[in-house]
């Protein structure tokens, strides 16, 4: 199985350790906030052009997997 490239990074020297998209200073929380507000993924990407579509989709996949894992642990 191939290892996925990291798309989220946390470093105390970048925004105080806030999780950001690798290679950017864009917090992952911005993606969640935009989607929660009803913005499309394309609107998010237009607002934050340093984030690639692949990074955003990978972050959403990570979130989905974490939620599924959490839900399965309560069965």
PDB file of N, CA and C in Angstrom:
ATOM      1  N   UNK A   1       0.847  -1.181   0.000  1.00  0.00           N
ATOM      2  CA  UNK A   1       0.000   0.000   0.000  1.00  0.00           C
ATOM      3  C   UNK A   1       0.890   1.240   0.000  1.00  0.00           C
ATOM      4  N   UNK A   2       0.574   2.204  -0.860  1.00  0.00           N
ATOM      5  CA  UNK A   2       1.394   3.407  -0.926  1.00  0.00           C
ATOM      6  C   UNK A   2       1.003   4.381   0.171  1.00  0.00           C
ATOM      7  N   UNK A   3       1.986   5.094   0.626  1.00  0.00           N
ATOM      8  CA  UNK A   3       1.765   6.078   1.686  1.00  0.00           C
ATOM      9  C   UNK A   3       1.304   7.385   1.055  1.00  0.00           C
ATOM     10  N   UNK A   4       0.205   7.943   1.611  1.00  0.00           N
ATOM     11  CA  UNK A   4      -0.303   9.217   1.101  1.00  0.00           C
ATOM     12  C   UNK A   4       0.612  10.357   1.533  1.00  0.00           C
ATOM     13  N   UNK A   5       0.819  11.328   0.650  1.00  0.00           N
ATOM     14  CA  UNK A   5       1.606  12.495   1.069  1.00  0.00           C
ATOM     15  C   UNK A   5       0.852  13.276   2.139  1.00  0.00           C
ATOM     16  N   UNK A   6       1.586  13.888   3.024  1.00  0.00           N
ATOM     17  CA  UNK A   6       0.959  14.693   4.081  1.00  0.00           C
ATOM     18  C   UNK A   6       0.357  15.949   3.473  1.00  0.00           C
ATOM     19  N   UNK A   7      -0.843  16.257   3.885  1.00  0.00           N
ATOM     20  CA  UNK A   7      -1.498  17.463   3.391  1.00  0.00           C
ATOM     21  C   UNK A   7      -1.755  18.460   4.515  1.00  0.00           C
ATOM     22  N   UNK A   8      -1.651  17.982   5.750  1.00  0.00           N
ATOM     23  CA  UNK A   8      -1.868  18.846   6.909  1.00  0.00           C
ATOM     24  C   UNK A   8      -0.605  18.843   7.748  1.00  0.00           C
ATOM     25  N   UNK A   9      -0.247  20.030   8.223  1.00  0.00           N
ATOM     26  CA  UNK A   9       0.990  20.183   8.988  1.00  0.00           C
ATOM     27  C   UNK A   9       0.737  21.097  10.177  1.00  0.00           C
ATOM     28  N   UNK A  10       1.367  20.794  11.279  1.00  0.00           N
ATOM     29  CA  UNK A  10       1.277  21.651  12.463  1.00  0.00           C
ATOM     30  C   UNK A  10       2.688  21.939  12.955  1.00  0.00           C
ATOM     31  N   UNK A  11       3.013  23.212  13.071  1.00  0.00           N
ATOM     32  CA  UNK A  11       4.346  23.632  13.493  1.00  0.00           C
ATOM     33  C   UNK A  11       4.176  24.841  14.413  1.00  0.00           C
ATOM     34  N   UNK A  12       4.787  24.814  15.597  1.00  0.00           N
ATOM     35  CA  UNK A  12       4.644  25.939  16.516  1.00  0.00           C
ATOM     36  C   UNK A  12       5.072  27.283  15.925  1.00  0.00           C
ATOM     37  N   UNK A  13       5.927  27.245  14.900  1.00  0.00           N
ATOM     38  CA  UNK A  13       6.398  28.480  14.276  1.00  0.00           C
ATOM     39  C   UNK A  13       5.460  28.991  13.174  1.00  0.00           C
ATOM     40  N   UNK A  14       4.444  28.221  12.845  1.00  0.00           N
ATOM     41  CA  UNK A  14       3.473  28.632  11.823  1.00  0.00           C
ATOM     42  C   UNK A  14       2.114  28.768  12.496  1.00  0.00           C
ATOM     43  N   UNK A  15       1.655  29.992  12.627  1.00  0.00           N
ATOM     44  CA  UNK A  15       0.363  30.292  13.242  1.00  0.00           C
ATOM     45  C   UNK A  15       0.188  29.609  14.596  1.00  0.00           C
ATOM     46  N   UNK A  16       1.272  29.553  15.347  1.00  0.00           N
ATOM     47  CA  UNK A  16       1.216  29.012  16.711  1.00  0.00           C
ATOM     48  C   UNK A  16       0.864  27.542  16.790  1.00  0.00           C
ATOM     49  N   UNK A  17       1.113  26.793  15.714  1.00  0.00           N
ATOM     50  CA  UNK A  17       0.837  25.364  15.730  1.00  0.00           C
ATOM     51  C   UNK A  17      -0.532  24.989  15.182  1.00  0.00           C
ATOM     52  N   UNK A  18      -1.276  25.966  14.697  1.00  0.00           N
ATOM     53  CA  UNK A  18      -2.571  25.687  14.080  1.00  0.00           C
ATOM     54  C   UNK A  18      -2.364  24.759  12.888  1.00  0.00           C
ATOM     55  N   UNK A  19      -3.146  23.692  12.746  1.00  0.00           N
ATOM     56  CA  UNK A  19      -2.999  22.819  11.576  1.00  0.00           C
ATOM     57  C   UNK A  19      -3.289  23.595  10.285  1.00  0.00           C
ATOM     58  N   UNK A  20      -2.337  23.545   9.358  1.00  0.00           N
ATOM     59  CA  UNK A  20      -2.445  24.244   8.077  1.00  0.00           C
ATOM     60  C   UNK A  20      -2.220  23.242   6.951  1.00  0.00           C
ATOM     61  N   UNK A  21      -2.603  23.644   5.742  1.00  0.00           N
ATOM     62  CA  UNK A  21      -2.284  22.840   4.568  1.00  0.00           C
ATOM     63  C   UNK A  21      -0.791  22.942   4.313  1.00  0.00           C
ATOM     64  N   UNK A  22      -0.146  21.820   4.046  1.00  0.00           N
ATOM     65  CA  UNK A  22       1.294  21.776   3.804  1.00  0.00           C
ATOM     66  C   UNK A  22       1.663  22.768   2.709  1.00  0.00           C
ATOM     67  N   UNK A  23       2.723  23.539   2.964  1.00  0.00           N
ATOM     68  CA  UNK A  23       3.222  24.506   1.990  1.00  0.00           C
ATOM     69  C   UNK A  23       2.467  25.822   1.979  1.00  0.00           C
ATOM     70  N   UNK A  24       1.533  25.978   2.920  1.00  0.00           N
ATOM     71  CA  UNK A  24       0.745  27.213   2.983  1.00  0.00           C
ATOM     72  C   UNK A  24       0.679  27.687   4.432  1.00  0.00           C
ATOM     73  N   UNK A  25       0.035  28.818   4.612  1.00  0.00           N
ATOM     74  CA  UNK A  25      -0.290  29.298   5.954  1.00  0.00           C
ATOM     75  C   UNK A  25      -1.816  29.330   6.117  1.00  0.00           C
ATOM     76  N   UNK A  26      -2.498  28.487   5.337  1.00  0.00           N
ATOM     77  CA  UNK A  26      -3.958  28.435   5.354  1.00  0.00           C
ATOM     78  C   UNK A  26      -4.408  27.368   6.356  1.00  0.00           C
ATOM     79  N   UNK A  27      -5.070  27.779   7.424  1.00  0.00           N
ATOM     80  CA  UNK A  27      -5.569  26.796   8.393  1.00  0.00           C
ATOM     81  C   UNK A  27      -6.610  25.861   7.772  1.00  0.00           C
ATOM     82  N   UNK A  28      -6.536  24.608   8.113  1.00  0.00           N
ATOM     83  CA  UNK A  28      -7.521  23.629   7.654  1.00  0.00           C
ATOM     84  C   UNK A  28      -8.910  24.035   8.134  1.00  0.00           C
ATOM     85  N   UNK A  29      -8.983  24.672   9.276  1.00  0.00           N
ATOM     86  CA  UNK A  29     -10.266  25.127   9.815  1.00  0.00           C
ATOM     87  C   UNK A  29     -10.979  26.057   8.834  1.00  0.00           C
ATOM     88  N   UNK A  30     -10.223  26.782   8.014  1.00  0.00           N
ATOM     89  CA  UNK A  30     -10.846  27.664   7.021  1.00  0.00           C
ATOM     90  C   UNK A  30     -11.699  26.865   6.039  1.00  0.00           C
ATOM     91  N   UNK A  31     -11.235  25.672   5.660  1.00  0.00           N
ATOM     92  CA  UNK A  31     -12.010  24.820   4.766  1.00  0.00           C
ATOM     93  C   UNK A  31     -13.310  24.402   5.443  1.00  0.00           C
ATOM     94  N   UNK A  32     -13.213  23.961   6.672  1.00  0.00           N
ATOM     95  CA  UNK A  32     -14.406  23.535   7.421  1.00  0.00           C
ATOM     96  C   UNK A  32     -15.375  24.704   7.565  1.00  0.00           C
ATOM     97  N   UNK A  33     -14.850  25.867   7.933  1.00  0.00           N
ATOM     98  CA  UNK A  33     -15.697  27.046   8.117  1.00  0.00           C
ATOM     99  C   UNK A  33     -16.409  27.436   6.822  1.00  0.00           C
ATOM    100  N   UNK A  34     -15.689  27.405   5.710  1.00  0.00           N
ATOM    101  CA  UNK A  34     -16.298  27.766   4.426  1.00  0.00           C
ATOM    102  C   UNK A  34     -17.412  26.796   4.049  1.00  0.00           C
ATOM    103  N   UNK A  35     -17.150  25.518   4.190  1.00  0.00           N
ATOM    104  CA  UNK A  35     -18.171  24.531   3.851  1.00  0.00           C
ATOM    105  C   UNK A  35     -19.366  24.642   4.789  1.00  0.00           C
ATOM    106  N   UNK A  36     -19.099  24.863   6.056  1.00  0.00           N
ATOM    107  CA  UNK A  36     -20.174  25.022   7.039  1.00  0.00           C
ATOM    108  C   UNK A  36     -21.048  26.237   6.705  1.00  0.00           C
ATOM    109  N   UNK A  37     -20.437  27.273   6.160  1.00  0.00           N
ATOM    110  CA  UNK A  37     -21.171  28.488   5.800  1.00  0.00           C
ATOM    111  C   UNK A  37     -21.948  28.333   4.495  1.00  0.00           C
ATOM    112  N   UNK A  38     -21.775  27.187   3.832  1.00  0.00           N
ATOM    113  CA  UNK A  38     -22.506  26.945   2.594  1.00  0.00           C
ATOM    114  C   UNK A  38     -21.728  27.242   1.333  1.00  0.00           C
ATOM    115  N   UNK A  39     -20.459  27.611   1.477  1.00  0.00           N
ATOM    116  CA  UNK A  39     -19.619  27.859   0.310  1.00  0.00           C
ATOM    117  C   UNK A  39     -19.265  26.528  -0.349  1.00  0.00           C
ATOM    118  N   UNK A  40     -19.060  26.564  -1.642  1.00  0.00           N
ATOM    119  CA  UNK A  40     -18.640  25.357  -2.356  1.00  0.00           C
ATOM    120  C   UNK A  40     -17.130  25.174  -2.210  1.00  0.00           C
ATOM    121  N   UNK A  41     -16.677  23.996  -2.569  1.00  0.00           N
ATOM    122  CA  UNK A  41     -15.237  23.745  -2.557  1.00  0.00           C
ATOM    123  C   UNK A  41     -14.536  24.690  -3.529  1.00  0.00           C
ATOM    124  N   UNK A  42     -15.142  24.937  -4.678  1.00  0.00           N
ATOM    125  CA  UNK A  42     -14.540  25.861  -5.648  1.00  0.00           C
ATOM    126  C   UNK A  42     -14.419  27.275  -5.073  1.00  0.00           C
ATOM    127  N   UNK A  43     -15.419  27.712  -4.320  1.00  0.00           N
ATOM    128  CA  UNK A  43     -15.341  29.038  -3.694  1.00  0.00           C
ATOM    129  C   UNK A  43     -14.193  29.089  -2.694  1.00  0.00           C
ATOM    130  N   UNK A  44     -14.034  28.020  -1.911  1.00  0.00           N
ATOM    131  CA  UNK A  44     -12.905  27.957  -0.972  1.00  0.00           C
ATOM    132  C   UNK A  44     -11.587  28.045  -1.737  1.00  0.00           C
ATOM    133  N   UNK A  45     -11.451  27.251  -2.787  1.00  0.00           N
ATOM    134  CA  UNK A  45     -10.203  27.220  -3.550  1.00  0.00           C
ATOM    135  C   UNK A  45      -9.913  28.557  -4.217  1.00  0.00           C
ATOM    136  N   UNK A  46     -10.945  29.253  -4.654  1.00  0.00           N
ATOM    137  CA  UNK A  46     -10.740  30.586  -5.230  1.00  0.00           C
ATOM    138  C   UNK A  46     -10.293  31.579  -4.172  1.00  0.00           C
ATOM    139  N   UNK A  47     -10.785  31.415  -2.952  1.00  0.00           N
ATOM    140  CA  UNK A  47     -10.401  32.324  -1.866  1.00  0.00           C
ATOM    141  C   UNK A  47      -9.002  32.032  -1.336  1.00  0.00           C
ATOM    142  N   UNK A  48      -8.563  30.791  -1.463  1.00  0.00           N
ATOM    143  CA  UNK A  48      -7.260  30.371  -0.936  1.00  0.00           C
ATOM    144  C   UNK A  48      -6.493  29.635  -2.042  1.00  0.00           C
ATOM    145  N   UNK A  49      -5.981  30.375  -3.023  1.00  0.00           N
ATOM    146  CA  UNK A  49      -5.368  29.749  -4.203  1.00  0.00           C
ATOM    147  C   UNK A  49      -4.087  28.959  -3.923  1.00  0.00           C
ATOM    148  N   UNK A  50      -3.503  29.103  -2.750  1.00  0.00           N
ATOM    149  CA  UNK A  50      -2.308  28.310  -2.450  1.00  0.00           C
ATOM    150  C   UNK A  50      -2.657  26.881  -2.050  1.00  0.00           C
ATOM    151  N   UNK A  51      -3.928  26.617  -1.789  1.00  0.00           N
ATOM    152  CA  UNK A  51      -4.384  25.264  -1.465  1.00  0.00           C
ATOM    153  C   UNK A  51      -4.846  24.603  -2.762  1.00  0.00           C
ATOM    154  N   UNK A  52      -4.361  23.398  -3.011  1.00  0.00           N
ATOM    155  CA  UNK A  52      -4.777  22.680  -4.217  1.00  0.00           C
ATOM    156  C   UNK A  52      -6.066  21.901  -3.943  1.00  0.00           C
ATOM    157  N   UNK A  53      -6.764  21.591  -5.017  1.00  0.00           N
ATOM    158  CA  UNK A  53      -7.974  20.774  -4.908  1.00  0.00           C
ATOM    159  C   UNK A  53      -7.632  19.423  -4.257  1.00  0.00           C
ATOM    160  N   UNK A  54      -6.498  18.857  -4.639  1.00  0.00           N
ATOM    161  CA  UNK A  54      -6.084  17.568  -4.090  1.00  0.00           C
ATOM    162  C   UNK A  54      -5.873  17.657  -2.578  1.00  0.00           C
ATOM    163  N   UNK A  55      -5.267  18.756  -2.123  1.00  0.00           N
ATOM    164  CA  UNK A  55      -5.073  18.935  -0.682  1.00  0.00           C
ATOM    165  C   UNK A  55      -6.411  19.034   0.044  1.00  0.00           C
ATOM    166  N   UNK A  56      -7.324  19.826  -0.505  1.00  0.00           N
ATOM    167  CA  UNK A  56      -8.621  20.014   0.138  1.00  0.00           C
ATOM    168  C   UNK A  56      -9.388  18.701   0.194  1.00  0.00           C
ATOM    169  N   UNK A  57      -9.400  17.955  -0.906  1.00  0.00           N
ATOM    170  CA  UNK A  57     -10.105  16.674  -0.924  1.00  0.00           C
ATOM    171  C   UNK A  57      -9.459  15.668   0.024  1.00  0.00           C
ATOM    172  N   UNK A  58      -8.134  15.679   0.090  1.00  0.00           N
ATOM    173  CA  UNK A  58      -7.446  14.774   1.008  1.00  0.00           C
ATOM    174  C   UNK A  58      -7.774  15.122   2.459  1.00  0.00           C
ATOM    175  N   UNK A  59      -7.844  16.408   2.773  1.00  0.00           N
ATOM    176  CA  UNK A  59      -8.194  16.823   4.137  1.00  0.00           C
ATOM    177  C   UNK A  59      -9.605  16.373   4.493  1.00  0.00           C
ATOM    178  N   UNK A  60     -10.522  16.488   3.548  1.00  0.00           N
ATOM    179  CA  UNK A  60     -11.889  16.032   3.790  1.00  0.00           C
ATOM    180  C   UNK A  60     -11.933  14.518   3.965  1.00  0.00           C
ATOM    181  N   UNK A  61     -11.125  13.802   3.219  1.00  0.00           N
ATOM    182  CA  UNK A  61     -11.048  12.345   3.366  1.00  0.00           C
ATOM    183  C   UNK A  61     -10.504  11.970   4.739  1.00  0.00           C
ATOM    184  N   UNK A  62      -9.504  12.692   5.203  1.00  0.00           N
ATOM    185  CA  UNK A  62      -8.949  12.448   6.542  1.00  0.00           C
ATOM    186  C   UNK A  62     -10.027  12.676   7.597  1.00  0.00           C
ATOM    187  N   UNK A  63     -10.787  13.753   7.440  1.00  0.00           N
ATOM    188  CA  UNK A  63     -11.870  14.055   8.391  1.00  0.00           C
ATOM    189  C   UNK A  63     -12.931  12.965   8.363  1.00  0.00           C
ATOM    190  N   UNK A  64     -13.304  12.515   7.161  1.00  0.00           N
ATOM    191  CA  UNK A  64     -14.303  11.458   7.028  1.00  0.00           C
ATOM    192  C   UNK A  64     -13.828  10.181   7.707  1.00  0.00           C
ATOM    193  N   UNK A  65     -12.585   9.805   7.455  1.00  0.00           N
ATOM    194  CA  UNK A  65     -12.033   8.589   8.042  1.00  0.00           C
ATOM    195  C   UNK A  65     -11.991   8.686   9.567  1.00  0.00           C
ATOM    196  N   UNK A  66     -11.639   9.859  10.081  1.00  0.00           N
ATOM    197  CA  UNK A  66     -11.598  10.045  11.536  1.00  0.00           C
ATOM    198  C   UNK A  66     -12.995   9.924  12.139  1.00  0.00           C
ATOM    199  N   UNK A  67     -13.981  10.485  11.472  1.00  0.00           N
ATOM    200  CA  UNK A  67     -15.360  10.389  11.962  1.00  0.00           C
ATOM    201  C   UNK A  67     -15.856   8.953  11.926  1.00  0.00           C
ATOM    202  N   UNK A  68     -15.559   8.244  10.846  1.00  0.00           N
ATOM    203  CA  UNK A  68     -15.974   6.848  10.753  1.00  0.00           C
ATOM    204  C   UNK A  68     -15.301   6.008  11.818  1.00  0.00           C
ATOM    205  N   UNK A  69     -14.017   6.246  12.021  1.00  0.00           N
ATOM    206  CA  UNK A  69     -13.280   5.511  13.036  1.00  0.00           C
ATOM    207  C   UNK A  69     -13.854   5.772  14.425  1.00  0.00           C
ATOM    208  N   UNK A  70     -14.170   7.012  14.693  1.00  0.00           N
ATOM    209  CA  UNK A  70     -14.745   7.399  15.988  1.00  0.00           C
ATOM    210  C   UNK A  70     -16.105   6.741  16.166  1.00  0.00           C
ATOM    211  N   UNK A  71     -16.918   6.731  15.135  1.00  0.00           N
ATOM    212  CA  UNK A  71     -18.252   6.147  15.228  1.00  0.00           C
ATOM    213  C   UNK A  71     -18.167   4.641  15.442  1.00  0.00           C
ATOM    214  N   UNK A  72     -17.211   3.987  14.798  1.00  0.00           N
ATOM    215  CA  UNK A  72     -17.057   2.543  14.940  1.00  0.00           C
ATOM    216  C   UNK A  72     -16.576   2.175  16.333  1.00  0.00           C
ATOM    217  N   UNK A  73     -15.830   3.041  16.977  1.00  0.00           N
ATOM    218  CA  UNK A  73     -15.294   2.726  18.301  1.00  0.00           C
ATOM    219  C   UNK A  73     -16.388   2.748  19.374  1.00  0.00           C
ATOM    220  N   UNK A  74     -17.547   3.312  19.057  1.00  0.00           N
ATOM    221  CA  UNK A  74     -18.645   3.400  20.026  1.00  0.00           C
ATOM    222  C   UNK A  74     -19.664   2.281  19.845  1.00  0.00           C
ATOM    223  N   UNK A  75     -19.419   1.370  18.937  1.00  0.00           N
ATOM    224  CA  UNK A  75     -20.354   0.256  18.691  1.00  0.00           C
ATOM    225  C   UNK A  75     -20.247  -0.791  19.752  1.00  0.00           C
TER     226      UNK A  75
END
